[in-house]
Amino acid sequence: MIVVVGSFRLPPEGLDAGRGAMARVVNASRAEPGCLAYAYAEDMQERGLVRVNESWESRAALSAHFETPHMKQWRRERNDLGMSERRVIAYEVSGEEAL
């Protein structure tokens, strides 16, 4: 399994437009083969900070995700929305433990 965790910032004035674009990419991504979870969440303490959390069955599924039309559109949209400080990391997970 691949777990993707990260964050990015949108200018506060771009949040309303950004929410619509993010909802579209989240919904489309969740429907992809191999997607186990996909979420963006706005930080409750820092306006404009968006947290990223994804889980994929495999690296191949994640790689295919990057080539989808909705991700190509999102890359254009996020630049237009003024995204900054993007830091998103993929981790390969070999096991799990309930906490």
N, C-alpha and C. Protein backbone atom coordinates (compact mmCIF):
# COMPACT_ATOMS: atom_id res chain seq x y z
N MET A 1 0.84 -1.17 0.00
CA MET A 1 0.00 0.00 0.00
C MET A 1 0.89 1.24 0.00
N ILE A 2 0.41 2.27 -0.66
CA ILE A 2 1.08 3.56 -0.70
C ILE A 2 0.19 4.56 0.06
N VAL A 3 0.80 5.26 1.01
CA VAL A 3 0.11 6.31 1.75
C VAL A 3 0.76 7.64 1.36
N VAL A 4 -0.08 8.60 1.02
CA VAL A 4 0.39 9.92 0.62
C VAL A 4 -0.11 10.92 1.66
N VAL A 5 0.81 11.69 2.20
CA VAL A 5 0.48 12.67 3.24
C VAL A 5 1.18 13.97 2.89
N GLY A 6 0.51 15.07 3.12
CA GLY A 6 1.15 16.35 2.85
C GLY A 6 0.24 17.52 3.11
N SER A 7 0.64 18.65 2.55
CA SER A 7 -0.13 19.87 2.70
C SER A 7 0.25 20.85 1.60
N PHE A 8 -0.60 21.86 1.46
CA PHE A 8 -0.31 22.98 0.57
C PHE A 8 -1.11 24.17 1.07
N ARG A 9 -0.80 25.33 0.54
CA ARG A 9 -1.52 26.55 0.94
C ARG A 9 -2.19 27.17 -0.28
N LEU A 10 -3.37 27.71 -0.02
CA LEU A 10 -4.07 28.55 -0.99
C LEU A 10 -4.28 29.91 -0.34
N PRO A 11 -4.18 31.00 -1.10
CA PRO A 11 -4.46 32.30 -0.51
C PRO A 11 -5.90 32.33 0.00
N PRO A 12 -6.15 32.95 1.14
CA PRO A 12 -7.51 32.98 1.68
C PRO A 12 -8.56 33.46 0.67
N GLU A 13 -8.18 34.40 -0.18
CA GLU A 13 -9.14 34.91 -1.17
C GLU A 13 -9.43 33.88 -2.27
N GLY A 14 -8.60 32.85 -2.39
CA GLY A 14 -8.82 31.81 -3.39
C GLY A 14 -9.51 30.57 -2.85
N LEU A 15 -9.82 30.56 -1.56
CA LEU A 15 -10.39 29.36 -0.95
C LEU A 15 -11.75 28.97 -1.51
N ASP A 16 -12.63 29.92 -1.71
CA ASP A 16 -13.96 29.57 -2.22
C ASP A 16 -13.87 28.91 -3.58
N ALA A 17 -13.11 29.48 -4.49
CA ALA A 17 -12.93 28.86 -5.81
C ALA A 17 -12.18 27.55 -5.67
N GLY A 18 -11.23 27.50 -4.77
CA GLY A 18 -10.45 26.29 -4.56
C GLY A 18 -11.28 25.13 -4.04
N ARG A 19 -12.25 25.41 -3.19
CA ARG A 19 -13.08 24.33 -2.64
C ARG A 19 -13.81 23.57 -3.75
N GLY A 20 -14.33 24.28 -4.72
CA GLY A 20 -15.03 23.61 -5.83
C GLY A 20 -14.08 22.74 -6.64
N ALA A 21 -12.91 23.26 -6.93
CA ALA A 21 -11.92 22.50 -7.69
C ALA A 21 -11.44 21.29 -6.90
N MET A 22 -11.21 21.48 -5.60
CA MET A 22 -10.76 20.36 -4.76
C MET A 22 -11.84 19.29 -4.64
N ALA A 23 -13.09 19.70 -4.52
CA ALA A 23 -14.18 18.71 -4.44
C ALA A 23 -14.23 17.87 -5.71
N ARG A 24 -14.05 18.50 -6.86
CA ARG A 24 -14.06 17.74 -8.12
C ARG A 24 -12.93 16.73 -8.18
N VAL A 25 -11.72 17.14 -7.80
CA VAL A 25 -10.58 16.22 -7.88
C VAL A 25 -10.70 15.11 -6.84
N VAL A 26 -11.22 15.41 -5.66
CA VAL A 26 -11.40 14.38 -4.64
C VAL A 26 -12.42 13.34 -5.11
N ASN A 27 -13.55 13.80 -5.61
CA ASN A 27 -14.60 12.87 -6.07
C ASN A 27 -14.11 12.00 -7.22
N ALA A 28 -13.44 12.59 -8.18
CA ALA A 28 -12.94 11.82 -9.32
C ALA A 28 -11.85 10.85 -8.88
N SER A 29 -10.98 11.26 -7.98
CA SER A 29 -9.89 10.40 -7.52
C SER A 29 -10.42 9.21 -6.74
N ARG A 30 -11.41 9.43 -5.91
CA ARG A 30 -11.99 8.34 -5.12
C ARG A 30 -12.60 7.26 -6.01
N ALA A 31 -13.00 7.62 -7.21
CA ALA A 31 -13.60 6.65 -8.13
C ALA A 31 -12.56 5.87 -8.93
N GLU A 32 -11.30 6.22 -8.81
CA GLU A 32 -10.25 5.56 -9.59
C GLU A 32 -9.97 4.15 -9.06
N PRO A 33 -9.61 3.24 -9.97
CA PRO A 33 -9.16 1.91 -9.54
C PRO A 33 -7.94 2.03 -8.64
N GLY A 34 -7.95 1.31 -7.54
CA GLY A 34 -6.80 1.30 -6.65
C GLY A 34 -6.78 2.38 -5.59
N CYS A 35 -7.74 3.31 -5.64
CA CYS A 35 -7.81 4.35 -4.63
C CYS A 35 -8.56 3.80 -3.41
N LEU A 36 -7.89 3.81 -2.27
CA LEU A 36 -8.50 3.34 -1.02
C LEU A 36 -9.07 4.49 -0.20
N ALA A 37 -8.44 5.65 -0.29
CA ALA A 37 -8.90 6.85 0.42
C ALA A 37 -8.28 8.06 -0.25
N TYR A 38 -9.01 9.17 -0.25
CA TYR A 38 -8.49 10.40 -0.86
C TYR A 38 -9.22 11.56 -0.21
N ALA A 39 -8.47 12.44 0.46
CA ALA A 39 -9.13 13.55 1.16
C ALA A 39 -8.22 14.77 1.20
N TYR A 40 -8.86 15.93 1.09
CA TYR A 40 -8.23 17.22 1.38
C TYR A 40 -9.04 17.79 2.53
N ALA A 41 -8.35 18.39 3.50
CA ALA A 41 -9.04 18.98 4.65
C ALA A 41 -8.38 20.31 4.99
N GLU A 42 -9.20 21.32 5.13
CA GLU A 42 -8.69 22.63 5.50
C GLU A 42 -8.34 22.63 6.99
N ASP A 43 -7.14 23.08 7.32
CA ASP A 43 -6.70 23.15 8.71
C ASP A 43 -7.59 24.11 9.48
N MET A 44 -7.99 23.71 10.66
CA MET A 44 -8.92 24.52 11.45
C MET A 44 -8.23 25.72 12.11
N GLN A 45 -6.92 25.69 12.23
CA GLN A 45 -6.18 26.77 12.89
C GLN A 45 -5.52 27.74 11.92
N GLU A 46 -5.25 27.28 10.70
CA GLU A 46 -4.53 28.10 9.73
C GLU A 46 -5.33 28.21 8.44
N ARG A 47 -6.01 29.31 8.27
CA ARG A 47 -6.82 29.53 7.07
C ARG A 47 -5.93 29.43 5.83
N GLY A 48 -6.37 28.62 4.88
CA GLY A 48 -5.64 28.46 3.63
C GLY A 48 -4.69 27.28 3.62
N LEU A 49 -4.45 26.66 4.77
CA LEU A 49 -3.61 25.47 4.82
C LEU A 49 -4.50 24.24 4.60
N VAL A 50 -4.17 23.46 3.58
CA VAL A 50 -4.96 22.28 3.23
C VAL A 50 -4.10 21.05 3.45
N ARG A 51 -4.66 20.08 4.17
CA ARG A 51 -3.97 18.82 4.46
C ARG A 51 -4.38 17.78 3.42
N VAL A 52 -3.43 16.97 3.00
CA VAL A 52 -3.64 15.94 1.99
C VAL A 52 -3.47 14.57 2.65
N ASN A 53 -4.39 13.65 2.37
CA ASN A 53 -4.31 12.29 2.89
C ASN A 53 -4.87 11.35 1.84
N GLU A 54 -4.03 10.44 1.36
CA GLU A 54 -4.45 9.49 0.33
C GLU A 54 -3.91 8.11 0.67
N SER A 55 -4.61 7.06 0.21
CA SER A 55 -4.12 5.69 0.29
C SER A 55 -4.41 5.01 -1.04
N TRP A 56 -3.41 4.29 -1.54
CA TRP A 56 -3.51 3.61 -2.83
C TRP A 56 -3.10 2.16 -2.67
N GLU A 57 -3.72 1.28 -3.44
CA GLU A 57 -3.38 -0.14 -3.39
C GLU A 57 -1.95 -0.42 -3.80
N SER A 58 -1.43 0.38 -4.75
CA SER A 58 -0.10 0.12 -5.28
C SER A 58 0.51 1.38 -5.87
N ARG A 59 1.79 1.31 -6.13
CA ARG A 59 2.49 2.42 -6.79
C ARG A 59 1.96 2.59 -8.21
N ALA A 60 1.60 1.48 -8.86
CA ALA A 60 1.05 1.57 -10.22
C ALA A 60 -0.26 2.35 -10.22
N ALA A 61 -1.11 2.12 -9.21
CA ALA A 61 -2.38 2.86 -9.12
C ALA A 61 -2.12 4.35 -8.91
N LEU A 62 -1.15 4.67 -8.05
CA LEU A 62 -0.81 6.07 -7.83
C LEU A 62 -0.24 6.71 -9.10
N SER A 63 0.61 5.99 -9.79
CA SER A 63 1.19 6.51 -11.03
C SER A 63 0.11 6.77 -12.08
N ALA A 64 -0.86 5.87 -12.18
CA ALA A 64 -1.97 6.05 -13.12
C ALA A 64 -2.81 7.27 -12.74
N HIS A 65 -2.95 7.49 -11.46
CA HIS A 65 -3.71 8.65 -10.94
C HIS A 65 -3.14 9.96 -11.49
N PHE A 66 -1.83 10.07 -11.53
CA PHE A 66 -1.20 11.31 -12.00
C PHE A 66 -1.46 11.58 -13.47
N GLU A 67 -1.83 10.57 -14.22
CA GLU A 67 -2.06 10.72 -15.66
C GLU A 67 -3.53 10.94 -16.02
N THR A 68 -4.42 10.98 -15.05
CA THR A 68 -5.85 11.14 -15.33
C THR A 68 -6.16 12.57 -15.77
N PRO A 69 -7.21 12.74 -16.56
CA PRO A 69 -7.59 14.10 -16.98
C PRO A 69 -7.89 15.03 -15.81
N HIS A 70 -8.52 14.51 -14.75
CA HIS A 70 -8.86 15.40 -13.63
C HIS A 70 -7.61 15.87 -12.88
N MET A 71 -6.55 15.07 -12.85
CA MET A 71 -5.32 15.52 -12.21
C MET A 71 -4.59 16.53 -13.09
N LYS A 72 -4.62 16.33 -14.39
CA LYS A 72 -4.01 17.31 -15.29
C LYS A 72 -4.73 18.65 -15.17
N GLN A 73 -6.07 18.62 -15.07
CA GLN A 73 -6.84 19.84 -14.88
C GLN A 73 -6.51 20.47 -13.53
N TRP A 74 -6.41 19.66 -12.48
CA TRP A 74 -6.11 20.17 -11.14
C TRP A 74 -4.75 20.86 -11.10
N ARG A 75 -3.76 20.32 -11.80
CA ARG A 75 -2.45 20.97 -11.84
C ARG A 75 -2.55 22.38 -12.43
N ARG A 76 -3.38 22.54 -13.46
CA ARG A 76 -3.58 23.87 -14.05
C ARG A 76 -4.33 24.77 -13.07
N GLU A 77 -5.40 24.23 -12.49
CA GLU A 77 -6.24 25.03 -11.58
C GLU A 77 -5.47 25.48 -10.35
N ARG A 78 -4.71 24.58 -9.77
CA ARG A 78 -4.03 24.94 -8.51
C ARG A 78 -3.00 26.04 -8.74
N ASN A 79 -2.36 26.07 -9.88
CA ASN A 79 -1.45 27.17 -10.19
C ASN A 79 -2.22 28.47 -10.32
N ASP A 80 -3.36 28.43 -11.01
CA ASP A 80 -4.19 29.62 -11.17
C ASP A 80 -4.74 30.12 -9.83
N LEU A 81 -4.97 29.20 -8.88
CA LEU A 81 -5.49 29.56 -7.56
C LEU A 81 -4.41 30.10 -6.63
N GLY A 82 -3.15 30.02 -7.05
CA GLY A 82 -2.06 30.54 -6.24
C GLY A 82 -1.53 29.57 -5.19
N MET A 83 -1.60 28.28 -5.48
CA MET A 83 -1.08 27.29 -4.54
C MET A 83 0.40 27.56 -4.25
N SER A 84 0.75 27.39 -2.98
CA SER A 84 2.15 27.53 -2.58
C SER A 84 2.47 26.53 -1.48
N GLU A 85 3.72 26.45 -1.15
CA GLU A 85 4.21 25.59 -0.06
C GLU A 85 3.70 24.15 -0.16
N ARG A 86 3.62 23.64 -1.38
CA ARG A 86 3.15 22.27 -1.57
C ARG A 86 4.24 21.29 -1.15
N ARG A 87 3.90 20.43 -0.21
CA ARG A 87 4.80 19.36 0.24
C ARG A 87 3.96 18.11 0.41
N VAL A 88 4.11 17.18 -0.52
CA VAL A 88 3.33 15.95 -0.52
C VAL A 88 4.31 14.78 -0.68
N ILE A 89 4.23 13.82 0.24
CA ILE A 89 5.18 12.71 0.30
C ILE A 89 4.43 11.39 0.21
N ALA A 90 4.97 10.45 -0.58
CA ALA A 90 4.41 9.09 -0.67
C ALA A 90 5.26 8.16 0.17
N TYR A 91 4.59 7.29 0.92
CA TYR A 91 5.25 6.30 1.77
C TYR A 91 4.76 4.91 1.36
N GLU A 92 5.68 3.99 1.25
CA GLU A 92 5.30 2.60 1.01
C GLU A 92 5.11 1.93 2.37
N VAL A 93 3.94 1.37 2.59
CA VAL A 93 3.60 0.79 3.88
C VAL A 93 3.62 -0.73 3.76
N SER A 94 4.34 -1.37 4.66
CA SER A 94 4.47 -2.82 4.61
C SER A 94 3.56 -3.54 5.62
N GLY A 95 2.94 -2.80 6.50
CA GLY A 95 2.07 -3.41 7.50
C GLY A 95 1.24 -2.35 8.19
N GLU A 96 0.40 -2.80 9.09
CA GLU A 96 -0.43 -1.86 9.82
C GLU A 96 -0.66 -2.34 11.24
N GLU A 97 -1.00 -1.40 12.09
CA GLU A 97 -1.27 -1.70 13.49
C GLU A 97 -2.36 -0.76 13.97
N ALA A 98 -3.43 -1.28 14.51
CA ALA A 98 -4.48 -0.44 15.06
C ALA A 98 -3.97 0.23 16.33
N LEU A 99 -4.23 1.50 16.46
CA LEU A 99 -3.79 2.25 17.64
C LEU A 99 -4.98 2.68 18.48
